Amino acid sequence: MVLSPLAILQLAMPRWRRVALGGAGIFAAALILMWMD
């Protein structure tokens, strides 16, 4: 969150698909853990 001004610029790199999939996976993991605890 606090490093996002630079971190999110990785979406402008050729590896953007990995970043997008990774972000979706982290979001899903967070939702599951929030539901569990």
Full PDB file with SEQRES, HELIX, SHEET, SSBOND, CRYST1, ORIGX, SCALE, CONECT and MASTER records, all heavy atoms in Angstrom:
SEQRES   1 A   37  MET VAL LEU SER PRO LEU ALA ILE LEU GLN LEU ALA MET          
SEQRES   2 A   37  PRO ARG TRP ARG ARG VAL ALA LEU GLY GLY ALA GLY ILE          
SEQRES   3 A   37  PHE ALA ALA ALA LEU ILE LEU MET TRP MET ASP                  
HELIX    1 AA1 SER A    4  ALA A    7  1                                   4    
HELIX    2 AA2 ILE A    8  ALA A   12  5                                   5    
HELIX    3 AA3 TRP A   16  MET A   36  1                                  21    
CRYST1    1.000    1.000    1.000  90.00  90.00  90.00 P 1           1          
ORIGX1      1.000000  0.000000  0.000000        0.00000                         
ORIGX2      0.000000  1.000000  0.000000        0.00000                         
ORIGX3      0.000000  0.000000  1.000000        0.00000                         
SCALE1      1.000000  0.000000  0.000000        0.00000                         
SCALE2      0.000000  1.000000  0.000000        0.00000                         
SCALE3      0.000000  0.000000  1.000000        0.00000                         
ATOM      1  N   MET A   1       0.822  -1.207   0.000  1.00  0.00           N  
ATOM      2  CA  MET A   1       0.000   0.000   0.000  1.00  0.00           C  
ATOM      3  C   MET A   1       0.861   1.264   0.000  1.00  0.00           C  
ATOM      4  O   MET A   1       0.675   2.153  -0.833  1.00  0.00           O  
ATOM      5  CB  MET A   1      -0.936  -0.016   1.208  1.00  0.00           C  
ATOM      6  CG  MET A   1      -1.879   1.170   1.303  1.00  0.00           C  
ATOM      7  SD  MET A   1      -3.150   0.930   2.570  1.00  0.00           S  
ATOM      8  CE  MET A   1      -2.139   0.690   4.040  1.00  0.00           C  
ATOM      9  N   VAL A   2       1.822   1.349   0.926  1.00  0.00           N  
ATOM     10  CA  VAL A   2       2.587   2.595   1.065  1.00  0.00           C  
ATOM     11  C   VAL A   2       3.705   2.711   0.030  1.00  0.00           C  
ATOM     12  O   VAL A   2       4.224   3.809  -0.196  1.00  0.00           O  
ATOM     13  CB  VAL A   2       3.162   2.738   2.493  1.00  0.00           C  
ATOM     14  CG1 VAL A   2       2.048   2.788   3.515  1.00  0.00           C  
ATOM     15  CG2 VAL A   2       4.151   1.630   2.817  1.00  0.00           C  
ATOM     16  N   LEU A   3       4.084   1.588  -0.593  1.00  0.00           N  
ATOM     17  CA  LEU A   3       5.097   1.632  -1.656  1.00  0.00           C  
ATOM     18  C   LEU A   3       4.464   1.602  -3.039  1.00  0.00           C  
ATOM     19  O   LEU A   3       5.173   1.578  -4.052  1.00  0.00           O  
ATOM     20  CB  LEU A   3       6.066   0.457  -1.506  1.00  0.00           C  
ATOM     21  CG  LEU A   3       6.863   0.377  -0.205  1.00  0.00           C  
ATOM     22  CD1 LEU A   3       7.721  -0.879  -0.177  1.00  0.00           C  
ATOM     23  CD2 LEU A   3       7.736   1.608  -0.016  1.00  0.00           C  
ATOM     24  N   SER A   4       3.132   1.612  -3.101  1.00  0.00           N  
ATOM     25  CA  SER A   4       2.435   1.465  -4.374  1.00  0.00           C  
ATOM     26  C   SER A   4       2.781   2.530  -5.417  1.00  0.00           C  
ATOM     27  O   SER A   4       2.762   2.226  -6.614  1.00  0.00           O  
ATOM     28  CB  SER A   4       0.921   1.418  -4.152  1.00  0.00           C  
ATOM     29  OG  SER A   4       0.459   2.607  -3.525  1.00  0.00           O  
ATOM     30  N   PRO A   5       3.108   3.790  -5.053  1.00  0.00           N  
ATOM     31  CA  PRO A   5       3.449   4.747  -6.104  1.00  0.00           C  
ATOM     32  C   PRO A   5       4.580   4.287  -7.021  1.00  0.00           C  
ATOM     33  O   PRO A   5       4.601   4.645  -8.200  1.00  0.00           O  
ATOM     34  CB  PRO A   5       3.852   6.002  -5.317  1.00  0.00           C  
ATOM     35  CG  PRO A   5       3.016   5.928  -4.078  1.00  0.00           C  
ATOM     36  CD  PRO A   5       3.006   4.456  -3.737  1.00  0.00           C  
ATOM     37  N   LEU A   6       5.533   3.505  -6.505  1.00  0.00           N  
ATOM     38  CA  LEU A   6       6.570   2.927  -7.363  1.00  0.00           C  
ATOM     39  C   LEU A   6       6.279   1.465  -7.691  1.00  0.00           C  
ATOM     40  O   LEU A   6       6.523   1.017  -8.815  1.00  0.00           O  
ATOM     41  CB  LEU A   6       7.938   3.030  -6.686  1.00  0.00           C  
ATOM     42  CG  LEU A   6       8.700   4.347  -6.801  1.00  0.00           C  
ATOM     43  CD1 LEU A   6      10.105   4.199  -6.243  1.00  0.00           C  
ATOM     44  CD2 LEU A   6       8.756   4.855  -8.233  1.00  0.00           C  
ATOM     45  N   ALA A   7       5.748   0.721  -6.717  1.00  0.00           N  
ATOM     46  CA  ALA A   7       5.551  -0.717  -6.921  1.00  0.00           C  
ATOM     47  C   ALA A   7       4.553  -1.000  -8.035  1.00  0.00           C  
ATOM     48  O   ALA A   7       4.738  -1.921  -8.840  1.00  0.00           O  
ATOM     49  CB  ALA A   7       5.085  -1.363  -5.615  1.00  0.00           C  
ATOM     50  N   ILE A   8       3.502  -0.198  -8.113  1.00  0.00           N  
ATOM     51  CA  ILE A   8       2.453  -0.477  -9.094  1.00  0.00           C  
ATOM     52  C   ILE A   8       2.914  -0.153 -10.518  1.00  0.00           C  
ATOM     53  O   ILE A   8       2.311  -0.614 -11.498  1.00  0.00           O  
ATOM     54  CB  ILE A   8       1.175   0.303  -8.715  1.00  0.00           C  
ATOM     55  CG1 ILE A   8      -0.064  -0.476  -9.150  1.00  0.00           C  
ATOM     56  CG2 ILE A   8       1.184   1.697  -9.292  1.00  0.00           C  
ATOM     57  CD1 ILE A   8      -1.320  -0.038  -8.478  1.00  0.00           C  
ATOM     58  N   LEU A   9       4.021   0.596 -10.635  1.00  0.00           N  
ATOM     59  CA  LEU A   9       4.574   0.881 -11.956  1.00  0.00           C  
ATOM     60  C   LEU A   9       5.176  -0.363 -12.610  1.00  0.00           C  
ATOM     61  O   LEU A   9       5.476  -0.349 -13.811  1.00  0.00           O  
ATOM     62  CB  LEU A   9       5.642   1.978 -11.856  1.00  0.00           C  
ATOM     63  CG  LEU A   9       5.154   3.354 -11.389  1.00  0.00           C  
ATOM     64  CD1 LEU A   9       6.310   4.336 -11.351  1.00  0.00           C  
ATOM     65  CD2 LEU A   9       4.042   3.878 -12.286  1.00  0.00           C  
ATOM     66  N   GLN A  10       5.348  -1.441 -11.810  1.00  0.00           N  
ATOM     67  CA  GLN A  10       5.801  -2.695 -12.401  1.00  0.00           C  
ATOM     68  C   GLN A  10       4.796  -3.228 -13.412  1.00  0.00           C  
ATOM     69  O   GLN A  10       5.136  -4.067 -14.243  1.00  0.00           O  
ATOM     70  CB  GLN A  10       6.049  -3.731 -11.297  1.00  0.00           C  
ATOM     71  CG  GLN A  10       7.202  -3.404 -10.361  1.00  0.00           C  
ATOM     72  CD  GLN A  10       8.549  -3.386 -11.072  1.00  0.00           C  
ATOM     73  OE1 GLN A  10       8.816  -4.235 -11.921  1.00  0.00           O  
ATOM     74  NE2 GLN A  10       9.382  -2.407 -10.740  1.00  0.00           N  
ATOM     75  N   LEU A  11       3.552  -2.737 -13.354  1.00  0.00           N  
ATOM     76  CA  LEU A  11       2.546  -3.121 -14.356  1.00  0.00           C  
ATOM     77  C   LEU A  11       2.873  -2.548 -15.730  1.00  0.00           C  
ATOM     78  O   LEU A  11       2.287  -2.966 -16.734  1.00  0.00           O  
ATOM     79  CB  LEU A  11       1.161  -2.650 -13.921  1.00  0.00           C  
ATOM     80  CG  LEU A  11       0.509  -3.428 -12.772  1.00  0.00           C  
ATOM     81  CD1 LEU A  11      -0.714  -2.701 -12.249  1.00  0.00           C  
ATOM     82  CD2 LEU A  11       0.139  -4.845 -13.225  1.00  0.00           C  
ATOM     83  N   ALA A  12       3.801  -1.583 -15.788  1.00  0.00           N  
ATOM     84  CA  ALA A  12       4.212  -1.022 -17.078  1.00  0.00           C  
ATOM     85  C   ALA A  12       5.397  -1.759 -17.680  1.00  0.00           C  
ATOM     86  O   ALA A  12       5.886  -1.386 -18.748  1.00  0.00           O  
ATOM     87  CB  ALA A  12       4.569   0.462 -16.899  1.00  0.00           C  
ATOM     88  N   MET A  13       5.855  -2.823 -17.005  1.00  0.00           N  
ATOM     89  CA  MET A  13       6.995  -3.615 -17.483  1.00  0.00           C  
ATOM     90  C   MET A  13       6.505  -4.835 -18.248  1.00  0.00           C  
ATOM     91  O   MET A  13       5.333  -5.222 -18.150  1.00  0.00           O  
ATOM     92  CB  MET A  13       7.848  -4.043 -16.283  1.00  0.00           C  
ATOM     93  CG  MET A  13       8.465  -2.881 -15.519  1.00  0.00           C  
ATOM     94  SD  MET A  13       9.677  -1.971 -16.499  1.00  0.00           S  
ATOM     95  CE  MET A  13      11.008  -3.179 -16.577  1.00  0.00           C  
ATOM     96  N   PRO A  14       7.396  -5.485 -19.017  1.00  0.00           N  
ATOM     97  CA  PRO A  14       6.988  -6.681 -19.763  1.00  0.00           C  
ATOM     98  C   PRO A  14       6.414  -7.794 -18.886  1.00  0.00           C  
ATOM     99  O   PRO A  14       5.648  -8.624 -19.370  1.00  0.00           O  
ATOM    100  CB  PRO A  14       8.293  -7.121 -20.450  1.00  0.00           C  
ATOM    101  CG  PRO A  14       9.096  -5.864 -20.574  1.00  0.00           C  
ATOM    102  CD  PRO A  14       8.767  -5.057 -19.354  1.00  0.00           C  
ATOM    103  N   ARG A  15       6.772  -7.819 -17.600  1.00  0.00           N  
ATOM    104  CA  ARG A  15       6.279  -8.867 -16.696  1.00  0.00           C  
ATOM    105  C   ARG A  15       4.936  -8.498 -16.075  1.00  0.00           C  
ATOM    106  O   ARG A  15       4.555  -9.048 -15.032  1.00  0.00           O  
ATOM    107  CB  ARG A  15       7.310  -9.149 -15.599  1.00  0.00           C  
ATOM    108  CG  ARG A  15       7.738  -7.916 -14.827  1.00  0.00           C  
ATOM    109  CD  ARG A  15       8.781  -8.241 -13.772  1.00  0.00           C  
ATOM    110  NE  ARG A  15       9.304  -7.029 -13.163  1.00  0.00           N  
ATOM    111  CZ  ARG A  15      10.332  -6.331 -13.619  1.00  0.00           C  
ATOM    112  NH1 ARG A  15      10.942  -6.719 -14.717  1.00  0.00           N  
ATOM    113  NH2 ARG A  15      10.759  -5.243 -13.005  1.00  0.00           N  
ATOM    114  N   TRP A  16       4.191  -7.607 -16.681  1.00  0.00           N  
ATOM    115  CA  TRP A  16       2.962  -7.096 -16.081  1.00  0.00           C  
ATOM    116  C   TRP A  16       1.942  -8.198 -15.820  1.00  0.00           C  
ATOM    117  O   TRP A  16       1.151  -8.109 -14.882  1.00  0.00           O  
ATOM    118  CB  TRP A  16       2.359  -5.993 -16.947  1.00  0.00           C  
ATOM    119  CG  TRP A  16       1.823  -6.444 -18.278  1.00  0.00           C  
ATOM    120  CD1 TRP A  16       2.499  -6.496 -19.455  1.00  0.00           C  
ATOM    121  CD2 TRP A  16       0.502  -6.910 -18.550  1.00  0.00           C  
ATOM    122  NE1 TRP A  16       1.700  -6.962 -20.460  1.00  0.00           N  
ATOM    123  CE2 TRP A  16       0.452  -7.226 -19.933  1.00  0.00           C  
ATOM    124  CE3 TRP A  16      -0.644  -7.091 -17.783  1.00  0.00           C  
ATOM    125  CZ2 TRP A  16      -0.686  -7.721 -20.541  1.00  0.00           C  
ATOM    126  CZ3 TRP A  16      -1.793  -7.575 -18.383  1.00  0.00           C  
ATOM    127  CH2 TRP A  16      -1.812  -7.889 -19.745  1.00  0.00           C  
ATOM    128  N   ARG A  17       1.949  -9.265 -16.659  1.00  0.00           N  
ATOM    129  CA  ARG A  17       0.970 -10.343 -16.450  1.00  0.00           C  
ATOM    130  C   ARG A  17       1.221 -11.052 -15.123  1.00  0.00           C  
ATOM    131  O   ARG A  17       0.281 -11.373 -14.386  1.00  0.00           O  
ATOM    132  CB  ARG A  17       1.033 -11.344 -17.600  1.00  0.00           C  
ATOM    133  CG  ARG A  17       0.486 -10.813 -18.923  1.00  0.00           C  
ATOM    134  CD  ARG A  17       0.538 -11.886 -20.005  1.00  0.00           C  
ATOM    135  NE  ARG A  17       0.012 -11.395 -21.275  1.00  0.00           N  
ATOM    136  CZ  ARG A  17       0.722 -10.705 -22.159  1.00  0.00           C  
ATOM    137  NH1 ARG A  17       2.005 -10.438 -21.896  1.00  0.00           N  
ATOM    138  NH2 ARG A  17       0.177 -10.290 -23.289  1.00  0.00           N  
ATOM    139  N   ARG A  18       2.497 -11.275 -14.802  1.00  0.00           N  
ATOM    140  CA  ARG A  18       2.825 -11.914 -13.524  1.00  0.00           C  
ATOM    141  C   ARG A  18       2.421 -11.022 -12.353  1.00  0.00           C  
ATOM    142  O   ARG A  18       1.935 -11.504 -11.329  1.00  0.00           O  
ATOM    143  CB  ARG A  18       4.321 -12.218 -13.456  1.00  0.00           C  
ATOM    144  CG  ARG A  18       4.760 -13.448 -14.240  1.00  0.00           C  
ATOM    145  CD  ARG A  18       6.230 -13.721 -14.053  1.00  0.00           C  
ATOM    146  NE  ARG A  18       7.056 -12.713 -14.721  1.00  0.00           N  
ATOM    147  CZ  ARG A  18       8.369 -12.589 -14.545  1.00  0.00           C  
ATOM    148  NH1 ARG A  18       9.010 -13.389 -13.700  1.00  0.00           N  
ATOM    149  NH2 ARG A  18       9.052 -11.677 -15.198  1.00  0.00           N  
ATOM    150  N   VAL A  19       2.622  -9.726 -12.526  1.00  0.00           N  
ATOM    151  CA  VAL A  19       2.233  -8.795 -11.459  1.00  0.00           C  
ATOM    152  C   VAL A  19       0.720  -8.806 -11.281  1.00  0.00           C  
ATOM    153  O   VAL A  19       0.211  -8.846 -10.147  1.00  0.00           O  
ATOM    154  CB  VAL A  19       2.739  -7.377 -11.782  1.00  0.00           C  
ATOM    155  CG1 VAL A  19       2.246  -6.380 -10.730  1.00  0.00           C  
ATOM    156  CG2 VAL A  19       4.264  -7.348 -11.850  1.00  0.00           C  
ATOM    157  N   ALA A  20      -0.016  -8.787 -12.380  1.00  0.00           N  
ATOM    158  CA  ALA A  20      -1.482  -8.780 -12.301  1.00  0.00           C  
ATOM    159  C   ALA A  20      -2.004 -10.061 -11.660  1.00  0.00           C  
ATOM    160  O   ALA A  20      -2.886 -10.027 -10.785  1.00  0.00           O  
ATOM    161  CB  ALA A  20      -2.079  -8.602 -13.696  1.00  0.00           C  
ATOM    162  N   LEU A  21      -1.451 -11.206 -12.077  1.00  0.00           N  
ATOM    163  CA  LEU A  21      -1.884 -12.481 -11.485  1.00  0.00           C  
ATOM    164  C   LEU A  21      -1.498 -12.551 -10.009  1.00  0.00           C  
ATOM    165  O   LEU A  21      -2.277 -13.034  -9.175  1.00  0.00           O  
ATOM    166  CB  LEU A  21      -1.270 -13.650 -12.252  1.00  0.00           C  
ATOM    167  CG  LEU A  21      -1.834 -13.906 -13.663  1.00  0.00           C  
ATOM    168  CD1 LEU A  21      -1.014 -14.978 -14.380  1.00  0.00           C  
ATOM    169  CD2 LEU A  21      -3.299 -14.338 -13.576  1.00  0.00           C  
ATOM    170  N   GLY A  22      -0.319 -12.066  -9.695  1.00  0.00           N  
ATOM    171  CA  GLY A  22       0.116 -12.050  -8.300  1.00  0.00           C  
ATOM    172  C   GLY A  22      -0.764 -11.175  -7.437  1.00  0.00           C  
ATOM    173  O   GLY A  22      -1.131 -11.541  -6.308  1.00  0.00           O  
ATOM    174  N   GLY A  23      -1.144 -10.001  -7.955  1.00  0.00           N  
ATOM    175  CA  GLY A  23      -2.024  -9.114  -7.211  1.00  0.00           C  
ATOM    176  C   GLY A  23      -3.382  -9.734  -6.957  1.00  0.00           C  
ATOM    177  O   GLY A  23      -3.934  -9.641  -5.853  1.00  0.00           O  
ATOM    178  N   ALA A  24      -3.928 -10.407  -7.995  1.00  0.00           N  
ATOM    179  CA  ALA A  24      -5.225 -11.078  -7.826  1.00  0.00           C  
ATOM    180  C   ALA A  24      -5.126 -12.191  -6.799  1.00  0.00           C  
ATOM    181  O   ALA A  24      -6.036 -12.396  -5.981  1.00  0.00           O  
ATOM    182  CB  ALA A  24      -5.700 -11.617  -9.170  1.00  0.00           C  
ATOM    183  N   GLY A  25      -4.012 -12.940  -6.825  1.00  0.00           N  
ATOM    184  CA  GLY A  25      -3.822 -14.024  -5.860  1.00  0.00           C  
ATOM    185  C   GLY A  25      -3.700 -13.514  -4.437  1.00  0.00           C  
ATOM    186  O   GLY A  25      -4.286 -14.098  -3.506  1.00  0.00           O  
ATOM    187  N   ILE A  26      -2.956 -12.415  -4.232  1.00  0.00           N  
ATOM    188  CA  ILE A  26      -2.813 -11.839  -2.890  1.00  0.00           C  
ATOM    189  C   ILE A  26      -4.161 -11.325  -2.392  1.00  0.00           C  
ATOM    190  O   ILE A  26      -4.523 -11.512  -1.222  1.00  0.00           O  
ATOM    191  CB  ILE A  26      -1.761 -10.717  -2.903  1.00  0.00           C  
ATOM    192  CG1 ILE A  26      -0.374 -11.311  -3.166  1.00  0.00           C  
ATOM    193  CG2 ILE A  26      -1.771  -9.951  -1.590  1.00  0.00           C  
ATOM    194  CD1 ILE A  26       0.705 -10.268  -3.397  1.00  0.00           C  
ATOM    195  N   PHE A  27      -4.921 -10.686  -3.280  1.00  0.00           N  
ATOM    196  CA  PHE A  27      -6.249 -10.182  -2.907  1.00  0.00           C  
ATOM    197  C   PHE A  27      -7.154 -11.331  -2.475  1.00  0.00           C  
ATOM    198  O   PHE A  27      -7.839 -11.249  -1.441  1.00  0.00           O  
ATOM    199  CB  PHE A  27      -6.865  -9.436  -4.096  1.00  0.00           C  
ATOM    200  CG  PHE A  27      -8.187  -8.803  -3.795  1.00  0.00           C  
ATOM    201  CD1 PHE A  27      -8.256  -7.561  -3.193  1.00  0.00           C  
ATOM    202  CD2 PHE A  27      -9.371  -9.440  -4.116  1.00  0.00           C  
ATOM    203  CE1 PHE A  27      -9.478  -6.966  -2.910  1.00  0.00           C  
ATOM    204  CE2 PHE A  27     -10.606  -8.865  -3.831  1.00  0.00           C  
ATOM    205  CZ  PHE A  27     -10.647  -7.620  -3.224  1.00  0.00           C  
ATOM    206  N   ALA A  28      -7.143 -12.421  -3.234  1.00  0.00           N  
ATOM    207  CA  ALA A  28      -7.984 -13.575  -2.894  1.00  0.00           C  
ATOM    208  C   ALA A  28      -7.548 -14.200  -1.573  1.00  0.00           C  
ATOM    209  O   ALA A  28      -8.388 -14.556  -0.731  1.00  0.00           O  
ATOM    210  CB  ALA A  28      -7.928 -14.603  -4.017  1.00  0.00           C  
ATOM    211  N   ALA A  29      -6.225 -14.335  -1.375  1.00  0.00           N  
ATOM    212  CA  ALA A  29      -5.714 -14.901  -0.121  1.00  0.00           C  
ATOM    213  C   ALA A  29      -6.127 -14.036   1.067  1.00  0.00           C  
ATOM    214  O   ALA A  29      -6.490 -14.551   2.136  1.00  0.00           O  
ATOM    215  CB  ALA A  29      -4.198 -15.032  -0.187  1.00  0.00           C  
ATOM    216  N   ALA A  30      -6.071 -12.711   0.889  1.00  0.00           N  
ATOM    217  CA  ALA A  30      -6.464 -11.807   1.968  1.00  0.00           C  
ATOM    218  C   ALA A  30      -7.939 -11.981   2.310  1.00  0.00           C  
ATOM    219  O   ALA A  30      -8.317 -12.028   3.491  1.00  0.00           O  
ATOM    220  CB  ALA A  30      -6.176 -10.361   1.571  1.00  0.00           C  
ATOM    221  N   LEU A  31      -8.793 -12.087   1.300  1.00  0.00           N  
ATOM    222  CA  LEU A  31     -10.223 -12.267   1.551  1.00  0.00           C  
ATOM    223  C   LEU A  31     -10.485 -13.566   2.305  1.00  0.00           C  
ATOM    224  O   LEU A  31     -11.309 -13.609   3.232  1.00  0.00           O  
ATOM    225  CB  LEU A  31     -10.996 -12.258   0.228  1.00  0.00           C  
ATOM    226  CG  LEU A  31     -11.111 -10.917  -0.502  1.00  0.00           C  
ATOM    227  CD1 LEU A  31     -11.890 -11.095  -1.798  1.00  0.00           C  
ATOM    228  CD2 LEU A  31     -11.771  -9.861   0.381  1.00  0.00           C  
ATOM    229  N   ILE A  32      -9.801 -14.633   1.915  1.00  0.00           N  
ATOM    230  CA  ILE A  32      -9.994 -15.930   2.584  1.00  0.00           C  
ATOM    231  C   ILE A  32      -9.558 -15.849   4.046  1.00  0.00           C  
ATOM    232  O   ILE A  32     -10.271 -16.298   4.958  1.00  0.00           O  
ATOM    233  CB  ILE A  32      -9.223 -17.037   1.839  1.00  0.00           C  
ATOM    234  CG1 ILE A  32      -9.847 -17.265   0.454  1.00  0.00           C  
ATOM    235  CG2 ILE A  32      -9.219 -18.331   2.647  1.00  0.00           C  
ATOM    236  CD1 ILE A  32      -9.013 -18.146  -0.443  1.00  0.00           C  
ATOM    237  N   LEU A  33      -8.385 -15.262   4.284  1.00  0.00           N  
ATOM    238  CA  LEU A  33      -7.887 -15.156   5.658  1.00  0.00           C  
ATOM    239  C   LEU A  33      -8.743 -14.207   6.495  1.00  0.00           C  
ATOM    240  O   LEU A  33      -8.931 -14.430   7.695  1.00  0.00           O  
ATOM    241  CB  LEU A  33      -6.428 -14.701   5.645  1.00  0.00           C  
ATOM    242  CG  LEU A  33      -5.415 -15.767   5.198  1.00  0.00           C  
ATOM    243  CD1 LEU A  33      -4.042 -15.162   4.994  1.00  0.00           C  
ATOM    244  CD2 LEU A  33      -5.347 -16.908   6.215  1.00  0.00           C  
ATOM    245  N   MET A  34      -9.276 -13.169   5.879  1.00  0.00           N  
ATOM    246  CA  MET A  34     -10.182 -12.263   6.598  1.00  0.00           C  
ATOM    247  C   MET A  34     -11.471 -12.978   6.985  1.00  0.00           C  
ATOM    248  O   MET A  34     -12.048 -12.712   8.039  1.00  0.00           O  
ATOM    249  CB  MET A  34     -10.491 -11.040   5.736  1.00  0.00           C  
ATOM    250  CG  MET A  34      -9.323 -10.065   5.596  1.00  0.00           C  
ATOM    251  SD  MET A  34      -9.488  -8.912   4.200  1.00  0.00           S  
ATOM    252  CE  MET A  34     -10.973  -8.031   4.647  1.00  0.00           C  
ATOM    253  N   TRP A  35     -11.908 -13.892   6.130  1.00  0.00           N  
ATOM    254  CA  TRP A  35     -13.104 -14.673   6.446  1.00  0.00           C  
ATOM    255  C   TRP A  35     -12.817 -15.674   7.572  1.00  0.00           C  
ATOM    256  O   TRP A  35     -13.644 -15.886   8.465  1.00  0.00           O  
ATOM    257  CB  TRP A  35     -13.576 -15.410   5.193  1.00  0.00           C  
ATOM    258  CG  TRP A  35     -14.700 -16.362   5.444  1.00  0.00           C  
ATOM    259  CD1 TRP A  35     -16.007 -16.079   5.699  1.00  0.00           C  
ATOM    260  CD2 TRP A  35     -14.599 -17.795   5.491  1.00  0.00           C  
ATOM    261  NE1 TRP A  35     -16.732 -17.214   5.900  1.00  0.00           N  
ATOM    262  CE2 TRP A  35     -15.890 -18.303   5.774  1.00  0.00           C  
ATOM    263  CE3 TRP A  35     -13.546 -18.699   5.314  1.00  0.00           C  
ATOM    264  CZ2 TRP A  35     -16.155 -19.659   5.894  1.00  0.00           C  
ATOM    265  CZ3 TRP A  35     -13.808 -20.054   5.420  1.00  0.00           C  
ATOM    266  CH2 TRP A  35     -15.099 -20.519   5.705  1.00  0.00           C  
ATOM    267  N   MET A  36     -11.609 -16.254   7.566  1.00  0.00           N  
ATOM    268  CA  MET A  36     -11.244 -17.225   8.598  1.00  0.00           C  
ATOM    269  C   MET A  36     -10.966 -16.565   9.939  1.00  0.00           C  
ATOM    270  O   MET A  36     -11.205 -17.160  10.995  1.00  0.00           O  
ATOM    271  CB  MET A  36     -10.002 -18.016   8.154  1.00  0.00           C  
ATOM    272  CG  MET A  36     -10.215 -18.911   6.949  1.00  0.00           C  
ATOM    273  SD  MET A  36      -8.656 -19.649   6.377  1.00  0.00           S  
ATOM    274  CE  MET A  36      -8.150 -20.577   7.833  1.00  0.00           C  
ATOM    275  N   ASP A  37     -10.441 -15.346   9.918  1.00  0.00           N  
ATOM    276  CA  ASP A  37     -10.018 -14.683  11.155  1.00  0.00           C  
ATOM    277  C   ASP A  37     -10.353 -13.198  11.040  1.00  0.00           C  
ATOM    278  O   ASP A  37      -9.663 -12.457  10.349  1.00  0.00           O  
ATOM    279  CB  ASP A  37      -8.506 -14.877  11.372  1.00  0.00           C  
ATOM    280  CG  ASP A  37      -8.002 -14.140  12.598  1.00  0.00           C  
ATOM    281  OD1 ASP A  37      -8.480 -14.442  13.699  1.00  0.00           O  
ATOM    282  OD2 ASP A  37      -7.126 -13.258  12.443  1.00  0.00           O  
TER     283      ASP A  37                                                      
MASTER        0    0    0    3    0    0    0    6  282    1    0    3          
END                                                                             
